[in-house]
N, C-alpha and C. Protein backbone atom coordinates (compact mmCIF):
# COMPACT_ATOMS: atom_id res chain seq x y z
N MET A 1 12.33 -8.20 -7.00
CA MET A 1 10.96 -8.69 -7.11
C MET A 1 10.30 -8.07 -8.33
N GLN A 2 9.41 -8.82 -8.98
CA GLN A 2 8.78 -8.34 -10.18
C GLN A 2 7.28 -8.59 -10.10
N THR A 3 6.52 -7.73 -10.82
CA THR A 3 5.09 -7.90 -10.91
C THR A 3 4.77 -8.93 -11.97
N LYS A 4 3.87 -9.88 -11.66
CA LYS A 4 3.51 -10.93 -12.60
C LYS A 4 2.05 -10.79 -12.99
N PRO A 5 1.60 -11.41 -14.13
CA PRO A 5 0.22 -11.26 -14.56
C PRO A 5 -0.75 -11.84 -13.54
N LEU A 6 -1.92 -11.21 -13.46
CA LEU A 6 -2.98 -11.76 -12.63
C LEU A 6 -3.49 -13.05 -13.25
N THR A 7 -3.82 -14.01 -12.41
CA THR A 7 -4.38 -15.26 -12.91
C THR A 7 -5.87 -15.13 -13.16
N CYS A 8 -6.50 -14.14 -12.50
CA CYS A 8 -7.93 -13.93 -12.67
C CYS A 8 -8.20 -12.44 -12.58
N ILE A 9 -8.82 -11.84 -13.59
CA ILE A 9 -9.07 -10.41 -13.59
C ILE A 9 -10.49 -10.16 -13.14
N PRO A 10 -10.72 -9.47 -11.99
CA PRO A 10 -12.06 -9.19 -11.51
C PRO A 10 -12.83 -8.33 -12.50
N PRO A 11 -14.16 -8.40 -12.50
CA PRO A 11 -14.97 -7.68 -13.47
C PRO A 11 -14.76 -6.18 -13.45
N VAL A 12 -14.43 -5.62 -12.27
CA VAL A 12 -14.32 -4.17 -12.20
C VAL A 12 -12.99 -3.65 -12.72
N VAL A 13 -12.07 -4.53 -13.05
CA VAL A 13 -10.74 -4.08 -13.48
C VAL A 13 -10.81 -3.53 -14.90
N LEU A 14 -10.02 -2.52 -15.15
CA LEU A 14 -9.96 -1.91 -16.47
C LEU A 14 -9.33 -2.87 -17.46
N GLY A 15 -10.03 -3.19 -18.53
CA GLY A 15 -9.55 -4.14 -19.53
C GLY A 15 -8.13 -3.96 -19.99
N VAL A 16 -7.96 -3.28 -21.11
CA VAL A 16 -6.66 -3.21 -21.75
C VAL A 16 -5.63 -2.53 -20.86
N ALA A 17 -6.01 -1.45 -20.17
CA ALA A 17 -5.04 -0.70 -19.38
C ALA A 17 -4.43 -1.52 -18.27
N LEU A 18 -5.25 -2.25 -17.52
CA LEU A 18 -4.72 -3.03 -16.41
C LEU A 18 -3.96 -4.25 -16.91
N ILE A 19 -4.41 -4.85 -18.01
CA ILE A 19 -3.65 -5.96 -18.60
C ILE A 19 -2.26 -5.48 -18.97
N TRP A 20 -2.18 -4.30 -19.59
CA TRP A 20 -0.87 -3.73 -19.94
C TRP A 20 -0.01 -3.58 -18.71
N LEU A 21 -0.62 -3.07 -17.62
CA LEU A 21 0.14 -2.83 -16.41
C LEU A 21 0.71 -4.10 -15.81
N VAL A 22 -0.12 -5.13 -15.63
CA VAL A 22 0.34 -6.31 -14.91
C VAL A 22 1.23 -7.21 -15.76
N LEU A 23 1.28 -6.99 -17.06
CA LEU A 23 2.15 -7.80 -17.90
C LEU A 23 3.57 -7.27 -17.95
N VAL A 24 3.82 -6.10 -17.34
CA VAL A 24 5.17 -5.57 -17.36
C VAL A 24 5.71 -5.50 -15.95
N THR A 25 7.02 -5.56 -15.83
CA THR A 25 7.66 -5.41 -14.53
C THR A 25 7.86 -3.93 -14.27
N PRO A 26 8.10 -3.54 -13.00
CA PRO A 26 8.39 -2.13 -12.72
C PRO A 26 9.52 -1.60 -13.58
N CYS A 27 10.55 -2.39 -13.83
CA CYS A 27 11.67 -1.92 -14.65
C CYS A 27 11.21 -1.61 -16.07
N GLU A 28 10.29 -2.42 -16.62
CA GLU A 28 9.80 -2.17 -17.96
C GLU A 28 8.96 -0.91 -18.01
N VAL A 29 8.22 -0.65 -16.94
CA VAL A 29 7.47 0.59 -16.88
C VAL A 29 8.42 1.78 -16.91
N VAL A 30 9.49 1.69 -16.16
CA VAL A 30 10.48 2.77 -16.14
C VAL A 30 11.03 3.01 -17.53
N GLY A 31 11.09 1.97 -18.34
CA GLY A 31 11.64 2.09 -19.67
C GLY A 31 10.86 2.99 -20.60
N VAL A 32 9.60 3.36 -20.25
CA VAL A 32 8.82 4.20 -21.14
C VAL A 32 8.91 5.67 -20.74
N TRP A 33 9.74 6.02 -19.77
CA TRP A 33 9.86 7.41 -19.37
C TRP A 33 10.25 8.27 -20.56
N GLU A 34 9.57 9.40 -20.69
CA GLU A 34 9.89 10.31 -21.78
C GLU A 34 10.20 11.72 -21.31
N ALA A 35 9.61 12.13 -20.16
CA ALA A 35 9.79 13.50 -19.71
C ALA A 35 10.02 13.53 -18.22
N GLY A 36 10.84 14.44 -17.75
CA GLY A 36 11.14 14.52 -16.34
C GLY A 36 10.55 15.76 -15.70
N GLY A 37 10.12 15.64 -14.43
CA GLY A 37 9.68 16.80 -13.67
C GLY A 37 10.87 17.42 -12.97
N ALA A 38 10.70 18.64 -12.49
CA ALA A 38 11.78 19.32 -11.80
C ALA A 38 11.99 18.70 -10.43
N PRO A 39 13.23 18.53 -10.00
CA PRO A 39 13.47 17.96 -8.68
C PRO A 39 13.09 18.92 -7.59
N GLY A 40 12.76 18.38 -6.41
CA GLY A 40 12.46 19.22 -5.26
C GLY A 40 13.73 19.85 -4.72
N SER A 41 13.57 20.97 -4.07
CA SER A 41 14.72 21.66 -3.48
C SER A 41 15.25 20.86 -2.29
N SER A 42 16.54 20.87 -2.09
CA SER A 42 17.12 20.15 -0.95
C SER A 42 17.94 21.09 -0.08
N ASP A 43 17.58 22.41 -0.10
CA ASP A 43 18.35 23.37 0.67
C ASP A 43 17.94 23.43 2.13
N GLY A 44 16.89 22.65 2.52
CA GLY A 44 16.48 22.60 3.90
C GLY A 44 15.62 23.76 4.35
N LYS A 45 15.28 24.69 3.44
CA LYS A 45 14.47 25.85 3.79
C LYS A 45 13.05 25.67 3.27
N GLY A 46 12.09 26.31 3.95
CA GLY A 46 10.72 26.27 3.48
C GLY A 46 10.02 24.99 3.88
N PRO A 47 8.81 24.76 3.35
CA PRO A 47 8.01 23.57 3.72
C PRO A 47 8.69 22.29 3.28
N LYS A 48 8.33 21.20 3.96
CA LYS A 48 8.94 19.91 3.66
C LYS A 48 8.30 19.23 2.46
N VAL A 49 7.12 19.69 2.05
CA VAL A 49 6.43 19.09 0.90
C VAL A 49 6.13 20.16 -0.13
N THR A 50 5.90 19.69 -1.34
CA THR A 50 5.55 20.59 -2.43
C THR A 50 4.44 19.96 -3.25
N LEU A 51 3.55 20.77 -3.81
CA LEU A 51 2.43 20.27 -4.59
C LEU A 51 2.87 20.06 -6.03
N ARG A 52 2.64 18.86 -6.56
CA ARG A 52 2.93 18.55 -7.95
C ARG A 52 1.65 18.10 -8.64
N SER A 53 1.54 18.41 -9.91
CA SER A 53 0.35 18.10 -10.69
C SER A 53 0.77 17.36 -11.95
N TYR A 54 0.11 16.23 -12.25
CA TYR A 54 0.49 15.37 -13.37
C TYR A 54 -0.71 15.13 -14.29
N ALA A 55 -0.53 15.35 -15.56
CA ALA A 55 -1.62 15.18 -16.53
C ALA A 55 -1.97 13.71 -16.69
N VAL A 56 -3.26 13.42 -16.75
CA VAL A 56 -3.78 12.08 -17.01
C VAL A 56 -4.65 12.19 -18.26
N PRO A 57 -4.33 11.50 -19.35
CA PRO A 57 -5.04 11.69 -20.62
C PRO A 57 -6.56 11.63 -20.47
N ASN A 58 -7.23 12.70 -20.88
CA ASN A 58 -8.70 12.80 -20.89
C ASN A 58 -9.32 12.69 -19.50
N HIS A 59 -8.51 12.78 -18.44
CA HIS A 59 -9.04 12.67 -17.08
C HIS A 59 -8.44 13.72 -16.15
N GLY A 60 -8.16 14.89 -16.70
CA GLY A 60 -7.67 15.98 -15.87
C GLY A 60 -6.26 15.77 -15.37
N ARG A 61 -6.05 16.05 -14.09
CA ARG A 61 -4.72 15.97 -13.51
C ARG A 61 -4.76 15.28 -12.15
N LEU A 62 -3.68 14.63 -11.82
CA LEU A 62 -3.49 14.03 -10.50
C LEU A 62 -2.59 14.95 -9.70
N GLU A 63 -3.08 15.39 -8.53
CA GLU A 63 -2.30 16.24 -7.65
C GLU A 63 -1.77 15.43 -6.47
N LEU A 64 -0.51 15.65 -6.13
CA LEU A 64 0.12 14.96 -5.01
C LEU A 64 1.01 15.94 -4.25
N LEU A 65 0.98 15.86 -2.94
CA LEU A 65 1.95 16.57 -2.10
C LEU A 65 3.12 15.63 -1.87
N ILE A 66 4.29 16.00 -2.38
CA ILE A 66 5.45 15.11 -2.27
C ILE A 66 6.55 15.79 -1.46
N ASP A 67 7.42 14.98 -0.89
CA ASP A 67 8.60 15.49 -0.21
C ASP A 67 9.39 16.35 -1.20
N ARG A 68 9.75 17.56 -0.77
CA ARG A 68 10.36 18.51 -1.69
C ARG A 68 11.75 18.10 -2.14
N THR A 69 12.37 17.11 -1.49
CA THR A 69 13.69 16.66 -1.92
C THR A 69 13.61 15.56 -2.98
N TRP A 70 12.41 15.01 -3.21
CA TRP A 70 12.28 13.92 -4.15
C TRP A 70 12.38 14.41 -5.60
N ARG A 71 12.93 13.56 -6.43
CA ARG A 71 12.89 13.79 -7.87
C ARG A 71 11.71 13.03 -8.46
N ASP A 72 11.09 13.60 -9.47
CA ASP A 72 9.99 12.91 -10.15
C ASP A 72 10.24 12.88 -11.65
N LYS A 73 9.71 11.86 -12.27
CA LYS A 73 9.86 11.68 -13.72
C LYS A 73 8.61 11.00 -14.24
N VAL A 74 8.06 11.51 -15.33
CA VAL A 74 6.79 11.01 -15.85
C VAL A 74 7.01 10.26 -17.16
N GLY A 75 6.41 9.08 -17.27
CA GLY A 75 6.43 8.32 -18.51
C GLY A 75 5.03 8.27 -19.09
N GLN A 76 4.86 8.76 -20.31
CA GLN A 76 3.56 8.72 -20.97
C GLN A 76 3.65 7.81 -22.19
N PRO A 77 3.13 6.58 -22.08
CA PRO A 77 3.15 5.68 -23.24
C PRO A 77 2.31 6.25 -24.38
N PRO A 78 2.49 5.72 -25.59
CA PRO A 78 1.70 6.21 -26.73
C PRO A 78 0.24 5.83 -26.60
N LYS A 79 -0.57 6.41 -27.49
CA LYS A 79 -2.00 6.12 -27.61
C LYS A 79 -2.77 6.39 -26.31
N GLU A 80 -2.29 7.39 -25.56
CA GLU A 80 -2.98 7.83 -24.34
C GLU A 80 -3.21 6.71 -23.33
N LEU A 81 -2.25 5.78 -23.25
CA LEU A 81 -2.29 4.77 -22.20
C LEU A 81 -1.96 5.43 -20.86
N PRO A 82 -2.22 4.75 -19.75
CA PRO A 82 -2.00 5.35 -18.44
C PRO A 82 -0.55 5.78 -18.21
N PRO A 83 -0.35 6.99 -17.69
CA PRO A 83 1.01 7.46 -17.39
C PRO A 83 1.55 6.84 -16.11
N THR A 84 2.86 6.74 -16.02
CA THR A 84 3.54 6.28 -14.81
C THR A 84 4.45 7.38 -14.29
N ILE A 85 4.30 7.69 -13.00
CA ILE A 85 5.15 8.69 -12.35
C ILE A 85 6.14 7.94 -11.46
N ALA A 86 7.40 8.28 -11.58
CA ALA A 86 8.44 7.65 -10.77
C ALA A 86 9.06 8.68 -9.85
N PHE A 87 9.22 8.31 -8.59
CA PHE A 87 9.87 9.17 -7.60
C PHE A 87 11.13 8.47 -7.11
N THR A 88 12.21 9.24 -6.98
CA THR A 88 13.49 8.71 -6.51
C THR A 88 14.12 9.74 -5.58
N PRO A 89 15.09 9.33 -4.77
CA PRO A 89 15.79 10.31 -3.92
C PRO A 89 16.60 11.28 -4.77
N ASP A 90 16.95 12.41 -4.18
CA ASP A 90 17.73 13.39 -4.94
C ASP A 90 19.14 12.90 -5.21
N ARG A 91 19.59 11.91 -4.42
CA ARG A 91 20.90 11.30 -4.66
C ARG A 91 20.79 9.79 -4.47
N GLY A 92 21.51 9.04 -5.27
CA GLY A 92 21.56 7.59 -5.10
C GLY A 92 20.31 6.89 -5.59
N SER A 93 20.21 5.60 -5.26
CA SER A 93 19.09 4.77 -5.73
C SER A 93 18.61 3.84 -4.63
N ALA A 94 18.53 4.36 -3.39
CA ALA A 94 18.17 3.53 -2.25
C ALA A 94 16.73 3.06 -2.30
N TRP A 95 15.88 3.80 -3.01
CA TRP A 95 14.47 3.44 -3.10
C TRP A 95 13.87 4.03 -4.38
N LYS A 96 12.68 3.56 -4.70
CA LYS A 96 11.97 4.04 -5.88
C LYS A 96 10.48 3.84 -5.65
N VAL A 97 9.69 4.82 -6.06
CA VAL A 97 8.23 4.73 -5.98
C VAL A 97 7.67 4.92 -7.38
N LEU A 98 6.81 3.98 -7.81
CA LEU A 98 6.16 4.06 -9.11
C LEU A 98 4.65 4.14 -8.91
N ILE A 99 4.01 5.11 -9.56
CA ILE A 99 2.56 5.25 -9.50
C ILE A 99 2.02 5.32 -10.92
N THR A 100 1.14 4.39 -11.27
CA THR A 100 0.47 4.41 -12.56
C THR A 100 -0.99 4.77 -12.34
N ALA A 101 -1.46 5.78 -13.06
CA ALA A 101 -2.84 6.27 -12.91
C ALA A 101 -3.73 5.65 -13.98
N LEU A 102 -4.60 4.73 -13.54
CA LEU A 102 -5.56 4.09 -14.42
C LEU A 102 -6.93 4.75 -14.27
N TRP A 103 -7.85 4.38 -15.14
CA TRP A 103 -9.21 4.88 -15.05
C TRP A 103 -10.17 3.86 -15.64
N SER A 104 -11.45 4.04 -15.37
CA SER A 104 -12.47 3.13 -15.87
C SER A 104 -13.20 3.78 -17.04
N PRO A 105 -13.47 3.04 -18.11
CA PRO A 105 -14.19 3.63 -19.25
C PRO A 105 -15.61 4.05 -18.90
N ASP A 106 -16.18 3.51 -17.83
CA ASP A 106 -17.54 3.89 -17.48
C ASP A 106 -17.58 5.03 -16.46
N GLY A 107 -16.43 5.61 -16.13
CA GLY A 107 -16.39 6.77 -15.25
C GLY A 107 -16.72 6.45 -13.80
N ARG A 108 -16.55 5.22 -13.37
CA ARG A 108 -16.87 4.85 -11.99
C ARG A 108 -16.00 5.61 -11.00
N ASP A 109 -16.52 5.81 -9.80
CA ASP A 109 -15.77 6.42 -8.72
C ASP A 109 -15.01 5.32 -8.00
N TRP A 110 -13.70 5.26 -8.21
CA TRP A 110 -12.90 4.18 -7.64
C TRP A 110 -12.80 4.27 -6.13
N SER A 111 -12.98 5.45 -5.56
CA SER A 111 -12.88 5.57 -4.11
C SER A 111 -14.01 4.83 -3.40
N GLU A 112 -15.08 4.48 -4.14
CA GLU A 112 -16.20 3.76 -3.56
C GLU A 112 -16.09 2.24 -3.75
N GLN A 113 -15.07 1.79 -4.47
CA GLN A 113 -14.89 0.36 -4.75
C GLN A 113 -14.00 -0.29 -3.70
N ARG A 114 -14.42 -0.23 -2.44
CA ARG A 114 -13.53 -0.62 -1.35
C ARG A 114 -13.16 -2.09 -1.36
N GLU A 115 -14.13 -2.96 -1.41
CA GLU A 115 -13.83 -4.39 -1.37
C GLU A 115 -13.12 -4.86 -2.65
N PRO A 116 -13.57 -4.42 -3.85
CA PRO A 116 -12.82 -4.81 -5.05
C PRO A 116 -11.36 -4.37 -5.01
N ILE A 117 -11.09 -3.16 -4.51
CA ILE A 117 -9.71 -2.69 -4.43
C ILE A 117 -8.89 -3.60 -3.50
N ARG A 118 -9.46 -3.93 -2.35
CA ARG A 118 -8.75 -4.79 -1.41
C ARG A 118 -8.47 -6.17 -2.02
N GLU A 119 -9.47 -6.74 -2.70
CA GLU A 119 -9.30 -8.07 -3.29
C GLU A 119 -8.26 -8.05 -4.40
N MET A 120 -8.31 -7.02 -5.24
CA MET A 120 -7.34 -6.91 -6.34
C MET A 120 -5.92 -6.78 -5.81
N LEU A 121 -5.74 -5.96 -4.77
CA LEU A 121 -4.40 -5.78 -4.22
C LEU A 121 -3.88 -7.07 -3.60
N LEU A 122 -4.72 -7.74 -2.83
CA LEU A 122 -4.29 -9.01 -2.24
C LEU A 122 -3.89 -10.01 -3.32
N GLU A 123 -4.68 -10.08 -4.38
CA GLU A 123 -4.37 -11.02 -5.45
C GLU A 123 -3.03 -10.71 -6.09
N ARG A 124 -2.76 -9.42 -6.36
CA ARG A 124 -1.50 -9.03 -6.98
C ARG A 124 -0.33 -9.26 -6.02
N ALA A 125 -0.51 -8.88 -4.75
CA ALA A 125 0.59 -8.99 -3.79
C ALA A 125 0.92 -10.44 -3.47
N GLU A 126 -0.09 -11.29 -3.40
CA GLU A 126 0.16 -12.69 -3.05
C GLU A 126 0.94 -13.42 -4.14
N LEU A 127 0.96 -12.88 -5.34
CA LEU A 127 1.78 -13.47 -6.40
C LEU A 127 3.27 -13.39 -6.06
N ALA A 128 3.64 -12.43 -5.20
CA ALA A 128 5.05 -12.27 -4.83
C ALA A 128 5.44 -13.15 -3.64
N LEU A 129 4.48 -13.77 -2.95
CA LEU A 129 4.80 -14.54 -1.75
C LEU A 129 5.77 -15.70 -2.00
N PRO A 130 5.66 -16.45 -3.12
CA PRO A 130 6.62 -17.54 -3.31
C PRO A 130 8.07 -17.09 -3.36
N GLU A 131 8.31 -15.82 -3.70
CA GLU A 131 9.67 -15.29 -3.77
C GLU A 131 10.04 -14.51 -2.51
N SER A 132 9.14 -14.49 -1.51
CA SER A 132 9.32 -13.64 -0.35
C SER A 132 9.62 -14.45 0.92
N VAL A 133 10.29 -13.80 1.86
CA VAL A 133 10.50 -14.39 3.18
C VAL A 133 9.16 -14.49 3.91
N GLU A 134 8.31 -13.49 3.77
CA GLU A 134 7.02 -13.46 4.44
C GLU A 134 6.09 -14.52 3.87
N THR A 135 5.16 -14.99 4.69
CA THR A 135 4.21 -16.02 4.27
C THR A 135 2.81 -15.48 4.08
N GLU A 136 2.58 -14.23 4.45
CA GLU A 136 1.28 -13.61 4.23
C GLU A 136 1.46 -12.13 3.97
N VAL A 137 0.42 -11.54 3.36
CA VAL A 137 0.45 -10.12 3.01
C VAL A 137 -0.30 -9.33 4.08
N GLU A 138 0.33 -8.29 4.60
CA GLU A 138 -0.31 -7.40 5.56
C GLU A 138 -0.61 -6.07 4.88
N LEU A 139 -1.83 -5.55 5.11
CA LEU A 139 -2.28 -4.33 4.45
C LEU A 139 -2.42 -3.18 5.42
N GLN A 140 -2.08 -1.99 4.96
CA GLN A 140 -2.35 -0.75 5.70
C GLN A 140 -3.41 0.02 4.94
N GLU A 141 -4.49 0.39 5.60
CA GLU A 141 -5.55 1.15 4.94
C GLU A 141 -5.09 2.59 4.69
N ILE A 142 -5.41 3.10 3.51
CA ILE A 142 -5.11 4.47 3.14
C ILE A 142 -6.45 5.13 2.81
N SER A 143 -6.82 6.17 3.55
CA SER A 143 -8.10 6.81 3.30
C SER A 143 -7.99 8.31 3.49
N GLY A 144 -8.87 9.02 2.83
CA GLY A 144 -8.89 10.47 2.91
C GLY A 144 -10.10 10.99 2.17
N GLU A 145 -10.14 12.28 1.95
CA GLU A 145 -11.27 12.88 1.25
C GLU A 145 -11.29 12.42 -0.22
N GLY A 146 -12.32 11.66 -0.59
CA GLY A 146 -12.44 11.21 -1.97
C GLY A 146 -11.45 10.14 -2.38
N LEU A 147 -10.87 9.42 -1.41
CA LEU A 147 -9.94 8.36 -1.79
C LEU A 147 -10.00 7.23 -0.78
N PHE A 148 -9.66 6.04 -1.26
CA PHE A 148 -9.60 4.87 -0.39
C PHE A 148 -8.74 3.82 -1.06
N GLY A 149 -7.96 3.09 -0.23
CA GLY A 149 -7.15 2.00 -0.76
C GLY A 149 -6.31 1.37 0.32
N HIS A 150 -5.29 0.64 -0.10
CA HIS A 150 -4.40 -0.06 0.82
C HIS A 150 -2.98 -0.05 0.25
N LEU A 151 -2.01 -0.10 1.16
CA LEU A 151 -0.61 -0.30 0.81
C LEU A 151 -0.11 -1.47 1.64
N THR A 152 0.58 -2.41 1.01
CA THR A 152 1.10 -3.54 1.76
C THR A 152 2.30 -3.11 2.60
N TYR A 153 2.55 -3.87 3.66
CA TYR A 153 3.81 -3.73 4.38
C TYR A 153 4.89 -4.45 3.57
N PRO A 154 6.17 -4.16 3.80
CA PRO A 154 7.21 -4.69 2.91
C PRO A 154 7.26 -6.21 2.84
N LEU A 155 7.48 -6.69 1.62
CA LEU A 155 7.79 -8.09 1.37
C LEU A 155 9.28 -8.18 1.04
N THR A 156 9.94 -9.21 1.57
CA THR A 156 11.40 -9.33 1.45
C THR A 156 11.77 -10.40 0.43
N ASP A 157 12.60 -10.04 -0.52
CA ASP A 157 13.05 -10.96 -1.56
C ASP A 157 14.00 -12.00 -0.95
N LYS A 158 13.63 -13.29 -1.04
CA LYS A 158 14.46 -14.36 -0.48
C LYS A 158 15.88 -14.34 -1.03
N ASP A 159 16.00 -14.05 -2.31
CA ASP A 159 17.30 -14.14 -2.97
C ASP A 159 18.26 -13.03 -2.54
N LEU A 160 17.73 -11.97 -1.91
CA LEU A 160 18.58 -10.84 -1.55
C LEU A 160 18.74 -10.66 -0.05
N VAL A 161 18.23 -11.62 0.74
CA VAL A 161 18.29 -11.50 2.19
C VAL A 161 19.72 -11.43 2.68
N ALA A 162 20.58 -12.29 2.18
CA ALA A 162 21.95 -12.40 2.70
C ALA A 162 22.97 -11.76 1.78
N THR A 163 22.52 -10.98 0.79
CA THR A 163 23.45 -10.36 -0.14
C THR A 163 23.23 -8.86 -0.18
N GLU A 164 24.24 -8.14 -0.57
CA GLU A 164 24.13 -6.70 -0.74
C GLU A 164 23.51 -6.41 -2.10
N PRO A 165 22.38 -5.68 -2.14
CA PRO A 165 21.74 -5.41 -3.43
C PRO A 165 22.65 -4.66 -4.38
N GLU A 166 22.66 -5.10 -5.62
CA GLU A 166 23.38 -4.38 -6.67
C GLU A 166 22.57 -3.15 -7.07
N PRO A 167 23.22 -2.16 -7.70
CA PRO A 167 22.45 -1.01 -8.19
C PRO A 167 21.31 -1.49 -9.09
N GLY A 168 20.11 -1.02 -8.83
CA GLY A 168 18.95 -1.44 -9.60
C GLY A 168 18.22 -2.62 -9.02
N ASP A 169 18.80 -3.27 -7.98
CA ASP A 169 18.13 -4.37 -7.28
C ASP A 169 17.54 -3.83 -5.98
N TYR A 170 16.39 -4.39 -5.58
CA TYR A 170 15.71 -3.94 -4.37
C TYR A 170 15.30 -5.13 -3.54
N ARG A 171 15.65 -5.09 -2.26
CA ARG A 171 15.39 -6.21 -1.36
C ARG A 171 13.94 -6.23 -0.86
N TYR A 172 13.32 -5.05 -0.78
CA TYR A 172 11.98 -4.95 -0.19
C TYR A 172 11.00 -4.34 -1.19
N LEU A 173 9.76 -4.81 -1.10
CA LEU A 173 8.71 -4.40 -2.04
C LEU A 173 7.41 -4.13 -1.29
N CYS A 174 6.76 -3.02 -1.60
CA CYS A 174 5.39 -2.74 -1.15
C CYS A 174 4.54 -2.50 -2.39
N LYS A 175 3.29 -2.97 -2.35
CA LYS A 175 2.35 -2.73 -3.44
C LYS A 175 1.13 -2.01 -2.89
N GLY A 176 0.50 -1.22 -3.73
CA GLY A 176 -0.69 -0.51 -3.28
C GLY A 176 -1.68 -0.29 -4.40
N LEU A 177 -2.95 -0.16 -4.03
CA LEU A 177 -4.02 0.27 -4.94
C LEU A 177 -4.82 1.32 -4.21
N ILE A 178 -4.97 2.50 -4.84
CA ILE A 178 -5.66 3.61 -4.21
C ILE A 178 -6.67 4.17 -5.20
N GLY A 179 -7.95 4.18 -4.82
CA GLY A 179 -8.97 4.81 -5.64
C GLY A 179 -9.06 6.29 -5.31
N VAL A 180 -8.88 7.14 -6.32
CA VAL A 180 -8.96 8.59 -6.16
C VAL A 180 -9.97 9.12 -7.16
N SER A 181 -11.20 9.31 -6.71
CA SER A 181 -12.28 9.71 -7.61
C SER A 181 -12.34 8.73 -8.77
N GLU A 182 -12.14 9.19 -10.02
CA GLU A 182 -12.24 8.30 -11.18
C GLU A 182 -10.92 7.60 -11.51
N LEU A 183 -9.88 7.85 -10.72
CA LEU A 183 -8.58 7.26 -10.99
C LEU A 183 -8.30 6.11 -10.04
N LEU A 184 -7.59 5.10 -10.53
CA LEU A 184 -7.11 3.99 -9.71
C LEU A 184 -5.58 4.02 -9.78
N LEU A 185 -4.96 4.34 -8.66
CA LEU A 185 -3.50 4.44 -8.61
C LEU A 185 -2.89 3.09 -8.25
N VAL A 186 -2.04 2.59 -9.11
CA VAL A 186 -1.32 1.34 -8.86
C VAL A 186 0.08 1.73 -8.39
N VAL A 187 0.41 1.34 -7.16
CA VAL A 187 1.62 1.83 -6.50
C VAL A 187 2.60 0.69 -6.28
N THR A 188 3.87 0.94 -6.59
CA THR A 188 4.96 0.02 -6.29
C THR A 188 6.04 0.80 -5.55
N VAL A 189 6.44 0.32 -4.37
CA VAL A 189 7.51 0.96 -3.60
C VAL A 189 8.63 -0.06 -3.44
N LEU A 190 9.84 0.31 -3.83
CA LEU A 190 11.00 -0.58 -3.81
C LEU A 190 12.09 0.02 -2.92
N PHE A 191 12.66 -0.80 -2.05
CA PHE A 191 13.73 -0.35 -1.14
C PHE A 191 14.92 -1.30 -1.25
N GLN A 192 16.13 -0.73 -1.20
CA GLN A 192 17.31 -1.57 -0.99
C GLN A 192 17.44 -1.94 0.48
N GLU A 193 17.11 -1.00 1.37
CA GLU A 193 17.06 -1.25 2.81
C GLU A 193 15.75 -0.66 3.32
N LYS A 194 15.17 -1.27 4.36
CA LYS A 194 13.92 -0.75 4.91
C LYS A 194 14.12 0.68 5.39
N ASP A 195 13.17 1.53 5.05
CA ASP A 195 13.23 2.93 5.46
C ASP A 195 11.82 3.37 5.81
N GLU A 196 11.49 3.31 7.09
CA GLU A 196 10.14 3.67 7.52
C GLU A 196 9.83 5.13 7.25
N GLY A 197 10.85 5.98 7.29
CA GLY A 197 10.63 7.39 7.01
C GLY A 197 10.12 7.60 5.60
N VAL A 198 10.74 6.92 4.63
CA VAL A 198 10.30 7.03 3.24
C VAL A 198 8.91 6.43 3.08
N ARG A 199 8.67 5.28 3.72
CA ARG A 199 7.35 4.66 3.59
C ARG A 199 6.26 5.57 4.17
N GLU A 200 6.55 6.21 5.31
CA GLU A 200 5.58 7.14 5.89
C GLU A 200 5.34 8.32 4.96
N ALA A 201 6.38 8.77 4.28
CA ALA A 201 6.22 9.87 3.33
C ALA A 201 5.38 9.44 2.13
N VAL A 202 5.54 8.18 1.71
CA VAL A 202 4.71 7.65 0.63
C VAL A 202 3.24 7.62 1.05
N VAL A 203 2.98 7.14 2.28
CA VAL A 203 1.60 7.10 2.78
C VAL A 203 1.01 8.51 2.81
N ALA A 204 1.77 9.49 3.33
CA ALA A 204 1.28 10.87 3.38
C ALA A 204 1.00 11.40 1.98
N MET A 205 1.86 11.07 1.01
CA MET A 205 1.64 11.49 -0.36
C MET A 205 0.35 10.90 -0.92
N LEU A 206 0.11 9.61 -0.66
CA LEU A 206 -1.09 8.96 -1.18
C LEU A 206 -2.35 9.54 -0.54
N VAL A 207 -2.30 9.86 0.75
CA VAL A 207 -3.45 10.45 1.43
C VAL A 207 -3.78 11.82 0.83
N SER A 208 -2.78 12.51 0.31
CA SER A 208 -2.99 13.85 -0.25
C SER A 208 -3.54 13.84 -1.67
N ALA A 209 -3.62 12.67 -2.30
CA ALA A 209 -3.95 12.59 -3.73
C ALA A 209 -5.32 13.16 -4.04
N LYS A 210 -5.41 13.90 -5.16
CA LYS A 210 -6.67 14.45 -5.63
C LYS A 210 -6.69 14.43 -7.15
N GLN A 211 -7.87 14.20 -7.72
CA GLN A 211 -8.07 14.31 -9.15
C GLN A 211 -8.69 15.68 -9.42
N ARG A 212 -8.05 16.43 -10.31
CA ARG A 212 -8.57 17.74 -10.71
C ARG A 212 -8.95 17.70 -12.18
N LYS A 213 -10.17 18.05 -12.49
CA LYS A 213 -10.63 18.01 -13.89
C LYS A 213 -10.57 19.40 -14.52
């Protein structure tokens, strides 16, 4: 499944940054990776999550509590465009999580843009319905201190229902938009097979998100 351009951009959407985002597929976003973060420990000792901090140009840092076994890798495009953080398992390629941190030039608090966030996510997710087994998009609310948004439940790629996904192909897709203070997190979750444990860990990670200036 791939992300396609929006047919209508709501007034509150970030001009150039969001246009850049929706015109590329998740794979193309991955192509701009330049630097990698240290992988989480997988020795089974200590806490199950670890705090990671990611620089956002001119907007401080994004903090996330992530599963300590996950690997992370950061892509920072040129000209201080929004960075993309990618999370993958410590072994294999069963799933992938992409988070792009956008912002508004007027410094708006995205956590207060509840209805616009919901409408934008529905518009983006419904673009995938023609390629999906599902006929409608279901949303899960994500909320916490200074943040609000939604993550879709998985959409299933029609073309991969009866076939074994090749490396780099994903049968299931979740999309999300999360407002975290002045940041708008655009989330893509890709699975070769449904994994509720990973999805729950993604939700917990998003609930933990904080912007630090």
